Protein backbone atom coordinates (compact mmCIF):
# COMPACT_ATOMS: atom_id res chain seq x y z
CA MET A 1 -82.83 -111.82 50.91
CA SER A 2 -83.58 -108.16 49.07
CA GLY A 3 -82.01 -105.26 50.66
CA TYR A 4 -79.68 -107.13 52.91
CA ASN A 5 -76.17 -105.81 53.67
CA SER A 6 -73.89 -107.63 55.28
CA TYR A 7 -72.82 -104.99 57.21
CA ASP A 8 -76.26 -104.50 58.92
CA MET A 9 -76.01 -108.01 60.48
CA LEU A 10 -74.65 -108.07 64.45
CA THR A 11 -71.95 -110.95 64.51
CA LEU A 12 -72.25 -112.96 67.80
CA TYR A 13 -68.79 -114.52 68.76
CA VAL A 14 -68.75 -117.78 70.64
CA ARG A 15 -66.04 -120.41 71.80
CA SER A 16 -65.62 -123.11 69.67
CA GLY A 17 -66.50 -126.69 70.65
CA PHE A 18 -63.98 -129.25 70.99
CA ASP A 19 -64.40 -129.87 67.18
CA GLY A 20 -63.12 -126.01 66.87
CA LYS A 21 -65.97 -125.71 64.67
CA LYS A 22 -69.82 -126.48 66.25
CA TYR A 23 -70.82 -124.05 68.79
CA GLY A 24 -69.86 -124.31 72.35
CA ALA A 25 -71.01 -124.59 76.06
CA CYS A 26 -70.30 -120.82 77.27
CA PRO A 27 -73.37 -120.04 79.93
CA PHE A 28 -71.87 -116.60 78.91
CA SER A 29 -72.66 -116.86 74.92
CA GLN A 30 -75.47 -118.55 75.87
CA ARG A 31 -76.99 -116.26 77.55
CA VAL A 32 -76.31 -113.01 74.54
CA PHE A 33 -77.38 -115.72 71.82
CA MET A 34 -80.80 -115.74 73.99
CA VAL A 35 -81.28 -112.21 74.52
CA LEU A 36 -80.61 -111.82 70.77
CA MET A 37 -83.09 -114.78 69.48
CA MET A 38 -85.43 -112.71 71.38
CA LYS A 39 -84.53 -109.61 70.23
CA ALA A 40 -84.97 -110.66 66.53
CA SER A 41 -88.96 -112.34 67.51
CA ARG A 42 -89.52 -108.95 67.56
CA SER A 43 -87.49 -106.29 66.10
CA ASN A 44 -85.59 -105.65 63.10
CA ILE A 45 -82.36 -106.88 64.04
CA GLN A 46 -79.94 -109.17 61.74
CA PHE A 47 -77.55 -111.58 63.18
CA ILE A 48 -75.40 -114.83 63.26
CA VAL A 49 -73.83 -116.56 65.54
CA ALA A 50 -69.73 -117.39 64.79
CA THR A 51 -67.91 -119.85 66.56
CA VAL A 52 -63.94 -118.99 67.36
CA PRO A 53 -61.49 -121.74 67.82
CA THR A 54 -59.35 -121.28 70.93
CA GLY A 55 -56.29 -119.74 70.10
CA ARG A 56 -57.36 -118.66 66.60
CA PRO A 57 -59.47 -115.45 66.82
CA PRO A 58 -60.12 -113.81 63.43
CA ASP A 59 -59.30 -110.81 62.10
CA GLU A 60 -61.83 -108.41 63.19
CA PHE A 61 -61.19 -109.29 66.77
CA LYS A 62 -57.53 -106.94 66.38
CA LYS A 63 -58.56 -105.44 64.04
CA HIS A 64 -61.66 -103.89 66.79
CA GLY A 65 -59.17 -105.02 69.79
CA LEU A 66 -61.50 -107.99 71.03
CA ARG A 67 -59.87 -109.93 73.83
CA ASN A 68 -62.76 -112.06 75.33
CA LEU A 69 -65.25 -114.25 74.13
CA PRO A 70 -68.56 -113.70 73.73
CA ALA A 71 -68.04 -110.88 71.99
CA ILE A 72 -70.09 -108.93 69.33
CA ILE A 73 -69.35 -107.04 66.51
CA TYR A 74 -71.74 -104.38 64.97
CA LYS A 75 -70.94 -101.73 62.11
CA ASN A 76 -68.02 -100.23 64.17
CA ASP A 77 -68.94 -101.23 67.07
CA ALA A 78 -67.70 -104.03 68.70
CA HIS A 79 -67.61 -105.14 72.71
CA ASP A 80 -66.40 -108.25 74.47
CA THR A 81 -67.73 -108.07 78.09
CA VAL A 82 -70.56 -109.80 78.50
CA GLU A 83 -72.68 -106.56 80.72
CA GLU A 84 -71.66 -103.95 78.40
CA ILE A 85 -72.84 -106.48 75.41
CA MET A 86 -76.36 -106.91 76.98
CA ASP A 87 -76.34 -102.54 77.93
CA TYR A 88 -75.64 -101.51 74.16
CA ILE A 89 -78.51 -104.14 72.84
CA GLU A 90 -80.67 -102.63 75.16
CA ILE A 91 -80.24 -99.90 73.50
CA LYS A 92 -80.03 -100.56 69.84
CA PHE A 93 -82.97 -102.48 70.21
CA PRO A 94 -85.18 -101.55 72.70
CA SER A 95 -88.05 -103.86 71.74
CA PRO A 96 -88.82 -105.99 72.99
CA LEU A 97 -87.99 -105.29 76.21
CA LEU A 98 -86.43 -107.71 78.70
CA GLN A 99 -85.00 -105.94 81.76
CA SER A 100 -86.35 -106.56 85.01
CA ASP A 101 -86.24 -105.42 88.63
CA ASN A 102 -86.81 -107.76 91.03
CA ILE A 103 -84.84 -107.29 93.73
CA LEU A 104 -86.35 -110.61 95.03
CA ALA A 105 -85.49 -112.59 92.20
CA GLU A 106 -81.86 -111.48 91.53
CA ALA A 107 -80.93 -111.56 95.50
CA ALA A 108 -82.38 -115.11 95.68
CA THR A 109 -80.05 -116.30 92.17
CA ARG A 110 -76.87 -114.53 93.24
CA ASP A 111 -74.71 -116.83 94.40
CA PHE A 112 -75.83 -120.59 93.08
CA PHE A 113 -72.92 -120.12 90.34
CA SER A 114 -70.15 -118.75 92.65
CA LYS A 115 -71.16 -121.65 94.89
CA PHE A 116 -71.09 -124.41 92.01
CA CYS A 117 -67.74 -123.19 90.42
CA PHE A 118 -66.20 -123.09 93.89
CA PHE A 119 -67.57 -127.26 94.87
CA ILE A 120 -66.05 -128.43 90.94
CA LYS A 121 -63.19 -126.54 91.30
CA ALA A 122 -62.51 -128.24 94.64
CA VAL A 123 -62.31 -125.09 96.50
CA SER A 124 -65.01 -126.19 98.68
CA ARG A 125 -64.45 -130.16 98.85
CA ASP A 126 -68.29 -130.96 100.25
CA SER A 127 -71.58 -129.52 98.85
CA SER A 128 -72.84 -128.00 101.72
CA ALA A 129 -72.13 -124.53 100.39
CA LEU A 130 -73.79 -125.10 97.11
CA GLU A 131 -76.72 -127.25 98.55
CA HIS A 132 -77.64 -124.49 100.87
CA SER A 133 -77.44 -122.12 98.26
CA LEU A 134 -79.87 -124.04 95.81
CA ALA A 135 -81.97 -124.55 98.83
CA LYS A 136 -82.40 -120.81 99.48
CA LEU A 137 -83.20 -120.43 95.56
CA ASP A 138 -85.88 -123.40 95.38
CA SER A 139 -87.71 -121.81 98.21
CA PHE A 140 -87.84 -118.76 96.33
CA LEU A 141 -88.89 -120.84 93.13
CA SER A 142 -91.43 -122.61 95.12
CA ARG A 143 -93.63 -119.39 95.99
CA LEU A 144 -92.90 -117.93 92.14
CA PRO A 145 -96.81 -117.02 90.86
CA SER A 146 -95.10 -117.41 87.52
CA SER A 147 -93.18 -119.64 84.99
CA PHE A 148 -90.18 -117.38 84.89
CA LEU A 149 -88.55 -114.72 87.10
CA CYS A 150 -90.60 -111.74 86.69
CA GLY A 151 -93.24 -112.95 84.82
CA ASP A 152 -94.26 -115.67 82.30
CA THR A 153 -91.85 -114.86 79.55
CA LEU A 154 -88.33 -114.41 79.48
CA SER A 155 -86.55 -111.35 80.83
CA HIS A 156 -82.79 -110.80 81.19
CA LEU A 157 -82.44 -112.61 84.65
CA ASP A 158 -84.17 -115.69 82.78
CA CYS A 159 -81.29 -115.44 79.88
CA GLU A 160 -78.72 -115.76 82.49
CA ILE A 161 -79.92 -117.93 85.32
CA LEU A 162 -80.99 -120.78 83.39
CA PRO A 163 -77.78 -121.38 81.02
CA LYS A 164 -76.17 -121.56 84.67
CA LEU A 165 -78.81 -123.66 86.60
CA HIS A 166 -78.33 -126.09 83.93
CA HIS A 167 -74.86 -125.93 83.88
CA LEU A 168 -74.75 -127.16 87.35
CA ARG A 169 -76.78 -129.86 86.81
CA VAL A 170 -74.80 -131.81 83.48
CA ALA A 171 -71.56 -130.69 84.53
CA ALA A 172 -71.62 -131.00 88.59
CA GLY A 173 -73.38 -134.75 87.83
CA VAL A 174 -70.75 -135.73 85.88
CA LEU A 175 -67.75 -134.36 87.37
CA LYS A 176 -68.54 -134.24 91.05
CA GLY A 177 -71.74 -137.52 90.65
CA PHE A 178 -73.99 -133.90 92.89
CA SER A 179 -77.62 -133.84 91.60
CA ILE A 180 -80.27 -131.03 92.15
CA CYS A 181 -82.29 -132.63 95.16
CA ASN A 182 -85.98 -134.21 93.38
CA LYS A 183 -87.42 -132.23 96.30
CA TYR A 184 -86.50 -129.16 94.98
CA SER A 185 -89.69 -128.48 92.92
CA GLY A 186 -89.66 -124.76 92.69
CA ILE A 187 -86.39 -125.20 90.71
CA TRP A 188 -87.10 -128.33 88.61
CA ARG A 189 -90.56 -126.61 87.79
CA TYR A 190 -88.47 -123.09 86.58
CA LEU A 191 -86.12 -125.56 84.37
CA HIS A 192 -89.50 -127.42 83.05
CA SER A 193 -89.78 -124.22 81.63
CA GLY A 194 -86.42 -123.25 80.12
CA TYR A 195 -86.79 -126.91 78.08
CA ASN A 196 -89.98 -126.16 77.28
CA SER A 197 -89.01 -122.47 76.16
CA PRO A 198 -87.68 -122.73 72.62
CA ILE A 199 -85.33 -120.00 73.19
CA PHE A 200 -83.16 -121.57 75.06
CA MET A 201 -83.79 -125.25 73.37
CA LYS A 202 -82.77 -123.43 70.10
CA SER A 203 -79.18 -121.75 72.51
CA CYS A 204 -78.32 -124.98 74.65
CA PRO A 205 -75.88 -127.02 73.90
CA PRO A 206 -75.41 -130.53 73.88
CA ASP A 207 -74.91 -132.42 77.28
CA GLN A 208 -70.94 -133.66 75.99
CA GLU A 209 -70.10 -129.94 75.15
CA ILE A 210 -71.01 -128.80 78.95
CA VAL A 211 -69.76 -131.70 80.44
CA LEU A 212 -65.92 -131.19 77.99
CA HIS A 213 -66.61 -127.10 78.98
CA TRP A 214 -65.55 -128.18 82.36
CA ALA A 215 -64.00 -130.46 82.73
CA ASP A 216 -61.53 -129.64 79.76
CA ARG A 217 -60.27 -126.55 82.24
CA PRO A 218 -57.33 -126.88 84.28
CA ASP A 219 -58.57 -126.30 87.88
CA THR A 220 -61.62 -128.78 87.74
CA PRO A 221 -61.92 -132.47 88.07
CA SER A 222 -60.55 -133.96 84.51
CA ILE A 223 -61.66 -137.61 82.74
CA SER A 224 -59.92 -139.92 81.69
CA GLN A 225 -58.60 -139.80 77.72
CA GLU A 226 -60.90 -142.47 77.04
CA ASP A 227 -64.37 -141.48 78.43
CA HIS A 228 -62.81 -137.67 76.63
CA SER A 229 -62.61 -139.39 73.20
CA MET A 230 -66.32 -141.11 74.01
CA LEU A 231 -67.87 -137.85 74.64
CA THR A 232 -66.72 -135.77 71.14
CA ARG A 233 -68.04 -139.07 69.53
CA GLU A 234 -71.85 -139.72 71.24
CA THR A 235 -74.63 -138.33 68.95
CA PRO A 236 -75.31 -135.03 71.05
CA ARG A 237 -77.66 -135.41 74.09
CA PHE A 238 -79.63 -133.02 75.90
CA SER A 239 -81.20 -132.91 79.21
CA PHE A 240 -84.62 -131.35 79.03
CA ASP A 241 -86.27 -133.89 81.19
CA VAL A 242 -87.29 -133.18 84.75
CA PRO A 243 -87.94 -135.70 87.95
CA ALA A 244 -91.46 -137.34 87.30
CA MET A 245 -91.47 -135.47 90.97
CA ALA A 246 -91.41 -131.95 89.97
CA ILE A 247 -93.33 -131.65 87.06
CA PRO A 248 -95.01 -128.48 87.52
CA VAL A 249 -98.63 -127.89 88.24
CA THR A 250 -100.87 -125.14 87.01
CA ILE A 251 -100.97 -122.04 89.41
CA GLU A 252 -103.93 -120.58 89.73
């Protein structure tokens, strides 16, 4: 590329997958990845995604004092907490504007992921709290007159919520036998919008990586060595389907 200078390239560091090389499954990393892709589509930002194997941080991490993933390095600036990363990107690359102030959307989406984490870690042994939070979310989404939380285009809030909701769908299904109810048509309509977004699809890890991301944690249900090995050998699979009864309709 004419005029290319690696110093002007932003690097997003994310946790690698099970093979130590490929893009791994982390909803927080996907959130940043989605935001950067949206910014790059309408501004002069250039970025690359670098995977970091567990326990083997690159030399750049030591140089900049980074400890967490995801992390970004741009010129002499470095950040490794998600909210700092979001604020930095918005300040450095303000176009397009992705911030939103939809208080109702923020309230409706606030607690389902923590309930999912409690459930999958067996802190909560039944799914009633998770079901309650999903019912609350579905009630809000069912009344939403737009494809996404703050309009018909992705916002910062969507980049946070869609990866978390997809992780819930995939990981809870495999590790806990839990499925999002077909009757939650608002949730499925929202997921359908995400699954049809190139930004979400290109940044989304395969199902196998999502399952292993949660199964390999010490506080979540483990899977057999045979199942673990099988997941690492399978062709990447993506659950981008929705129940037939939940296919969205056009809202006038």
